[in-house]
C-alpha atoms as a PDB file:
ATOM      1  CA  UNK A   1      56.786 -27.540 -14.955  1.00  0.00           C
ATOM      2  CA  UNK A   2      60.534 -27.115 -15.129  1.00  0.00           C
ATOM      3  CA  UNK A   3      62.756 -26.262 -12.160  1.00  0.00           C
ATOM      4  CA  UNK A   4      64.254 -22.818 -12.714  1.00  0.00           C
ATOM      5  CA  UNK A   5      67.976 -23.614 -12.318  1.00  0.00           C
ATOM      6  CA  UNK A   6      67.782 -26.582 -14.672  1.00  0.00           C
ATOM      7  CA  UNK A   7      65.695 -24.709 -17.248  1.00  0.00           C
ATOM      8  CA  UNK A   8      67.976 -21.666 -17.242  1.00  0.00           C
ATOM      9  CA  UNK A   9      71.103 -23.793 -17.543  1.00  0.00           C
ATOM     10  CA  UNK A  10      69.621 -25.768 -20.439  1.00  0.00           C
ATOM     11  CA  UNK A  11      68.510 -22.673 -22.327  1.00  0.00           C
ATOM     12  CA  UNK A  12      70.843 -19.845 -21.271  1.00  0.00           C
ATOM     13  CA  UNK A  13      74.160 -21.431 -20.252  1.00  0.00           C
ATOM     14  CA  UNK A  14      76.006 -19.155 -22.699  1.00  0.00           C
ATOM     15  CA  UNK A  15      74.887 -16.173 -20.595  1.00  0.00           C
ATOM     16  CA  UNK A  16      76.229 -17.431 -17.278  1.00  0.00           C
ATOM     17  CA  UNK A  17      78.732 -14.965 -15.846  1.00  0.00           C
ATOM     18  CA  UNK A  18      80.019 -13.579 -12.552  1.00  0.00           C
ATOM     19  CA  UNK A  19      79.096 -10.738 -10.237  1.00  0.00           C
ATOM     20  CA  UNK A  20      82.315  -9.058 -11.323  1.00  0.00           C
ATOM     21  CA  UNK A  21      81.452  -8.971 -15.010  1.00  0.00           C
ATOM     22  CA  UNK A  22      77.830  -7.965 -14.484  1.00  0.00           C
ATOM     23  CA  UNK A  23      78.826  -5.142 -12.126  1.00  0.00           C
ATOM     24  CA  UNK A  24      81.240  -3.553 -14.614  1.00  0.00           C
ATOM     25  CA  UNK A  25      80.653   0.155 -15.150  1.00  0.00           C
ATOM     26  CA  UNK A  26      79.537   0.323 -18.781  1.00  0.00           C
ATOM     27  CA  UNK A  27      78.852   4.063 -18.804  1.00  0.00           C
ATOM     28  CA  UNK A  28      82.453   5.200 -18.553  1.00  0.00           C
ATOM     29  CA  UNK A  29      84.281   3.331 -21.309  1.00  0.00           C
ATOM     30  CA  UNK A  30      86.988   6.024 -21.408  1.00  0.00           C
ATOM     31  CA  UNK A  31      88.305   5.136 -17.930  1.00  0.00           C
ATOM     32  CA  UNK A  32      89.869   1.868 -16.742  1.00  0.00           C
ATOM     33  CA  UNK A  33      87.371  -0.884 -15.911  1.00  0.00           C
ATOM     34  CA  UNK A  34      85.555  -0.377 -12.631  1.00  0.00           C
ATOM     35  CA  UNK A  35      83.673  -3.205 -10.987  1.00  0.00           C
ATOM     36  CA  UNK A  36      81.271  -2.561  -8.129  1.00  0.00           C
ATOM     37  CA  UNK A  37      81.688  -6.187  -7.033  1.00  0.00           C
ATOM     38  CA  UNK A  38      84.892  -8.154  -7.662  1.00  0.00           C
ATOM     39  CA  UNK A  39      83.444 -11.589  -6.888  1.00  0.00           C
ATOM     40  CA  UNK A  40      84.068 -14.322  -9.450  1.00  0.00           C
ATOM     41  CA  UNK A  41      83.113 -17.289  -7.264  1.00  0.00           C
ATOM     42  CA  UNK A  42      79.337 -17.150  -7.731  1.00  0.00           C
ATOM     43  CA  UNK A  43      77.612 -17.776 -11.032  1.00  0.00           C
ATOM     44  CA  UNK A  44      74.938 -15.345 -12.172  1.00  0.00           C
ATOM     45  CA  UNK A  45      73.064 -14.875 -15.410  1.00  0.00           C
ATOM     46  CA  UNK A  46      74.042 -11.812 -17.401  1.00  0.00           C
ATOM     47  CA  UNK A  47      70.501 -10.630 -18.045  1.00  0.00           C
ATOM     48  CA  UNK A  48      71.604  -7.533 -19.959  1.00  0.00           C
ATOM     49  CA  UNK A  49      73.299  -9.809 -22.514  1.00  0.00           C
ATOM     50  CA  UNK A  50      70.192 -11.956 -22.912  1.00  0.00           C
ATOM     51  CA  UNK A  51      68.152  -8.843 -23.681  1.00  0.00           C
ATOM     52  CA  UNK A  52      70.804  -7.618 -26.153  1.00  0.00           C
ATOM     53  CA  UNK A  53      70.590 -10.917 -28.050  1.00  0.00           C
ATOM     54  CA  UNK A  54      66.786 -11.031 -27.969  1.00  0.00           C
ATOM     55  CA  UNK A  55      66.563  -7.408 -29.155  1.00  0.00           C
ATOM     56  CA  UNK A  56      69.534  -6.690 -31.448  1.00  0.00           C
ATOM     57  CA  UNK A  57      68.064  -3.321 -32.448  1.00  0.00           C
ATOM     58  CA  UNK A  58      68.943  -1.005 -29.560  1.00  0.00           C
ATOM     59  CA  UNK A  59      66.109   1.319 -30.590  1.00  0.00           C
ATOM     60  CA  UNK A  60      63.507  -1.246 -29.501  1.00  0.00           C
ATOM     61  CA  UNK A  61      65.477  -2.982 -26.757  1.00  0.00           C
ATOM     62  CA  UNK A  62      63.744  -2.832 -23.371  1.00  0.00           C
ATOM     63  CA  UNK A  63      65.644  -1.798 -20.278  1.00  0.00           C
ATOM     64  CA  UNK A  64      66.856  -4.640 -18.083  1.00  0.00           C
ATOM     65  CA  UNK A  65      68.649  -5.258 -14.823  1.00  0.00           C
ATOM     66  CA  UNK A  66      72.249  -6.496 -14.951  1.00  0.00           C
ATOM     67  CA  UNK A  67      72.082  -9.956 -13.416  1.00  0.00           C
ATOM     68  CA  UNK A  68      69.830 -12.738 -12.204  1.00  0.00           C
ATOM     69  CA  UNK A  69      70.912 -14.933  -9.316  1.00  0.00           C
ATOM     70  CA  UNK A  70      68.796 -17.905  -8.227  1.00  0.00           C
ATOM     71  CA  UNK A  71      69.068 -19.418  -4.774  1.00  0.00           C
ATOM     72  CA  UNK A  72      66.550 -22.075  -3.776  1.00  0.00           C
ATOM     73  CA  UNK A  73      63.130 -20.518  -4.461  1.00  0.00           C
ATOM     74  CA  UNK A  74      64.386 -16.914  -4.590  1.00  0.00           C
ATOM     75  CA  UNK A  75      65.207 -15.097  -7.810  1.00  0.00           C
ATOM     76  CA  UNK A  76      67.356 -11.999  -7.292  1.00  0.00           C
ATOM     77  CA  UNK A  77      67.102  -9.436 -10.089  1.00  0.00           C
ATOM     78  CA  UNK A  78      70.190  -7.300  -9.552  1.00  0.00           C
ATOM     79  CA  UNK A  79      71.001  -3.844 -10.879  1.00  0.00           C
ATOM     80  CA  UNK A  80      74.454  -2.416 -10.153  1.00  0.00           C
ATOM     81  CA  UNK A  81      74.716   1.376 -10.048  1.00  0.00           C
ATOM     82  CA  UNK A  82      78.109   3.036  -9.949  1.00  0.00           C
ATOM     83  CA  UNK A  83      76.844   6.604 -10.336  1.00  0.00           C
ATOM     84  CA  UNK A  84      76.815   9.029  -7.453  1.00  0.00           C
ATOM     85  CA  UNK A  85      73.023   9.499  -7.665  1.00  0.00           C
ATOM     86  CA  UNK A  86      71.138   6.907  -9.734  1.00  0.00           C
ATOM     87  CA  UNK A  87      68.135   8.047 -11.755  1.00  0.00           C
ATOM     88  CA  UNK A  88      64.771   6.979 -10.292  1.00  0.00           C
ATOM     89  CA  UNK A  89      63.055   6.766 -13.696  1.00  0.00           C
ATOM     90  CA  UNK A  90      65.811   4.537 -15.079  1.00  0.00           C
ATOM     91  CA  UNK A  91      65.691   2.201 -12.059  1.00  0.00           C
ATOM     92  CA  UNK A  92      61.900   1.914 -12.304  1.00  0.00           C
ATOM     93  CA  UNK A  93      62.198   1.206 -16.037  1.00  0.00           C
ATOM     94  CA  UNK A  94      64.789  -1.493 -15.467  1.00  0.00           C
ATOM     95  CA  UNK A  95      62.548  -3.138 -12.870  1.00  0.00           C
ATOM     96  CA  UNK A  96      59.359  -3.034 -14.953  1.00  0.00           C
ATOM     97  CA  UNK A  97      60.846  -3.912 -18.354  1.00  0.00           C
ATOM     98  CA  UNK A  98      63.352  -6.384 -16.918  1.00  0.00           C
ATOM     99  CA  UNK A  99      60.794  -8.284 -14.843  1.00  0.00           C
ATOM    100  CA  UNK A 100      58.358  -8.328 -17.770  1.00  0.00           C
ATOM    101  CA  UNK A 101      61.056  -9.824 -20.015  1.00  0.00           C
ATOM    102  CA  UNK A 102      62.104 -12.314 -17.330  1.00  0.00           C
ATOM    103  CA  UNK A 103      58.479 -13.425 -16.971  1.00  0.00           C
ATOM    104  CA  UNK A 104      58.315 -13.990 -20.760  1.00  0.00           C
ATOM    105  CA  UNK A 105      61.533 -16.016 -20.715  1.00  0.00           C
ATOM    106  CA  UNK A 106      60.371 -18.154 -17.794  1.00  0.00           C
ATOM    107  CA  UNK A 107      57.112 -18.826 -19.618  1.00  0.00           C
ATOM    108  CA  UNK A 108      59.026 -19.846 -22.755  1.00  0.00           C
ATOM    109  CA  UNK A 109      61.154 -22.349 -20.826  1.00  0.00           C
ATOM    110  CA  UNK A 110      58.131 -23.685 -18.937  1.00  0.00           C
ATOM    111  CA  UNK A 111      59.022 -22.445 -15.438  1.00  0.00           C
ATOM    112  CA  UNK A 112      56.124 -21.957 -13.038  1.00  0.00           C
ATOM    113  CA  UNK A 113      57.035 -18.487 -11.740  1.00  0.00           C
ATOM    114  CA  UNK A 114      54.481 -18.661  -8.906  1.00  0.00           C
ATOM    115  CA  UNK A 115      56.802 -21.156  -7.211  1.00  0.00           C
ATOM    116  CA  UNK A 116      59.425 -18.425  -6.769  1.00  0.00           C
ATOM    117  CA  UNK A 117      59.947 -15.190  -4.873  1.00  0.00           C
ATOM    118  CA  UNK A 118      61.314 -12.342  -6.986  1.00  0.00           C
ATOM    119  CA  UNK A 119      63.546  -9.755  -5.333  1.00  0.00           C
ATOM    120  CA  UNK A 120      64.811  -6.589  -7.030  1.00  0.00           C
ATOM    121  CA  UNK A 121      68.181  -5.472  -5.679  1.00  0.00           C
ATOM    122  CA  UNK A 122      69.686  -2.112  -6.539  1.00  0.00           C
ATOM    123  CA  UNK A 123      73.290  -2.275  -5.402  1.00  0.00           C
ATOM    124  CA  UNK A 124      75.044   1.077  -5.380  1.00  0.00           C
ATOM    125  CA  UNK A 125      78.354   2.540  -4.348  1.00  0.00           C
ATOM    126  CA  UNK A 126      79.042   2.985  -0.670  1.00  0.00           C
ATOM    127  CA  UNK A 127      78.374   6.499   0.516  1.00  0.00           C
ATOM    128  CA  UNK A 128      81.436   7.900   2.186  1.00  0.00           C
ATOM    129  CA  UNK A 129      79.777   9.145   5.333  1.00  0.00           C
ATOM    130  CA  UNK A 130      76.444   8.645   6.986  1.00  0.00           C
ATOM    131  CA  UNK A 131      75.737  12.383   6.759  1.00  0.00           C
ATOM    132  CA  UNK A 132      76.179  12.394   2.975  1.00  0.00           C
ATOM    133  CA  UNK A 133      73.638   9.625   2.296  1.00  0.00           C
ATOM    134  CA  UNK A 134      71.149  12.130   0.893  1.00  0.00           C
ATOM    135  CA  UNK A 135      73.687  13.126  -1.794  1.00  0.00           C
ATOM    136  CA  UNK A 136      73.567   9.546  -3.046  1.00  0.00           C
ATOM    137  CA  UNK A 137      69.765   9.622  -3.241  1.00  0.00           C
ATOM    138  CA  UNK A 138      69.491   7.477  -0.146  1.00  0.00           C
ATOM    139  CA  UNK A 139      66.903   7.596   2.592  1.00  0.00           C
ATOM    140  CA  UNK A 140      67.150   5.364   5.605  1.00  0.00           C
ATOM    141  CA  UNK A 141      64.935   2.339   6.163  1.00  0.00           C
ATOM    142  CA  UNK A 142      62.842   1.852   3.000  1.00  0.00           C
ATOM    143  CA  UNK A 143      63.201   0.871  -0.629  1.00  0.00           C
ATOM    144  CA  UNK A 144      64.461   3.949  -2.368  1.00  0.00           C
ATOM    145  CA  UNK A 145      64.415   5.395  -5.847  1.00  0.00           C
ATOM    146  CA  UNK A 146      60.571   5.489  -5.884  1.00  0.00           C
ATOM    147  CA  UNK A 147      60.284   1.686  -6.071  1.00  0.00           C
ATOM    148  CA  UNK A 148      58.026   0.926  -3.093  1.00  0.00           C
ATOM    149  CA  UNK A 149      54.844   1.000  -5.198  1.00  0.00           C
ATOM    150  CA  UNK A 150      56.024  -2.059  -7.170  1.00  0.00           C
ATOM    151  CA  UNK A 151      56.245  -4.090  -3.990  1.00  0.00           C
ATOM    152  CA  UNK A 152      52.947  -2.712  -2.693  1.00  0.00           C
ATOM    153  CA  UNK A 153      51.076  -3.650  -5.878  1.00  0.00           C
ATOM    154  CA  UNK A 154      52.635  -7.150  -6.041  1.00  0.00           C
ATOM    155  CA  UNK A 155      54.663  -6.620  -9.219  1.00  0.00           C
ATOM    156  CA  UNK A 156      57.776  -7.751  -7.309  1.00  0.00           C
ATOM    157  CA  UNK A 157      57.895  -9.619  -3.996  1.00  0.00           C
ATOM    158  CA  UNK A 158      60.635  -7.621  -2.317  1.00  0.00           C
ATOM    159  CA  UNK A 159      63.051  -4.766  -2.976  1.00  0.00           C
ATOM    160  CA  UNK A 160      66.465  -3.969  -1.544  1.00  0.00           C
ATOM    161  CA  UNK A 161      68.189  -0.711  -2.416  1.00  0.00           C
ATOM    162  CA  UNK A 162      71.401  -0.673  -0.471  1.00  0.00           C
ATOM    163  CA  UNK A 163      75.109  -0.153  -0.838  1.00  0.00           C
ATOM    164  CA  UNK A 164      77.486  -2.914  -1.848  1.00  0.00           C
ATOM    165  CA  UNK A 165      78.584  -3.563   1.771  1.00  0.00           C
ATOM    166  CA  UNK A 166      74.978  -4.218   2.824  1.00  0.00           C
ATOM    167  CA  UNK A 167      74.427  -6.398  -0.256  1.00  0.00           C
ATOM    168  CA  UNK A 168      77.510  -8.494   0.550  1.00  0.00           C
ATOM    169  CA  UNK A 169      76.405  -8.961   4.169  1.00  0.00           C
ATOM    170  CA  UNK A 170      72.827  -9.845   3.181  1.00  0.00           C
ATOM    171  CA  UNK A 171      74.046 -12.228   0.489  1.00  0.00           C
ATOM    172  CA  UNK A 172      75.914 -14.210   3.130  1.00  0.00           C
ATOM    173  CA  UNK A 173      72.931 -14.176   5.499  1.00  0.00           C
ATOM    174  CA  UNK A 174      70.498 -15.299   2.788  1.00  0.00           C
ATOM    175  CA  UNK A 175      72.673 -17.892   1.029  1.00  0.00           C
ATOM    176  CA  UNK A 176      75.422 -18.819   3.533  1.00  0.00           C
ATOM    177  CA  UNK A 177      77.901 -18.030   0.746  1.00  0.00           C
ATOM    178  CA  UNK A 178      80.748 -15.532   0.869  1.00  0.00           C
ATOM    179  CA  UNK A 179      80.775 -12.770  -1.699  1.00  0.00           C
ATOM    180  CA  UNK A 180      83.956 -10.804  -2.377  1.00  0.00           C
ATOM    181  CA  UNK A 181      82.664  -7.353  -3.226  1.00  0.00           C
END
């Protein structure tokens, strides 16, 4: 079986990008570019772009998360959300369709996915005050956006649904690498 970093680089090098580019707000093309994370030092895979190429017809294109970041035996499937209150149904769809497509791709490039831990990260804007967290669709202390069932049933190994400050802090703790978000 192939090692994931090597296999992805050999087959998907054209889709390597940065956190900055994959966190760009694509829903508001009429305003100047907004990036949820400005980091350009870490390489990620622009998973949205892979799905666009695999499914050129947008009518049949499955939903997908924005980026994939691999560190050791952990595969982070990252969705950036710049909206005030992200849609639960959309986030569930991106997890299910995105992970299903990622599993297909890993099978095609001969990666043994059982050797890896898959983590779905929903990274959203920072809420301005602790008291306004509910306005952002945020509860304290658990995966949010109705995603817990996917961890409970083993579809994904772990889920983090936190603001960009938490993501940046956790990224450093998990990888010992600085992230400029």
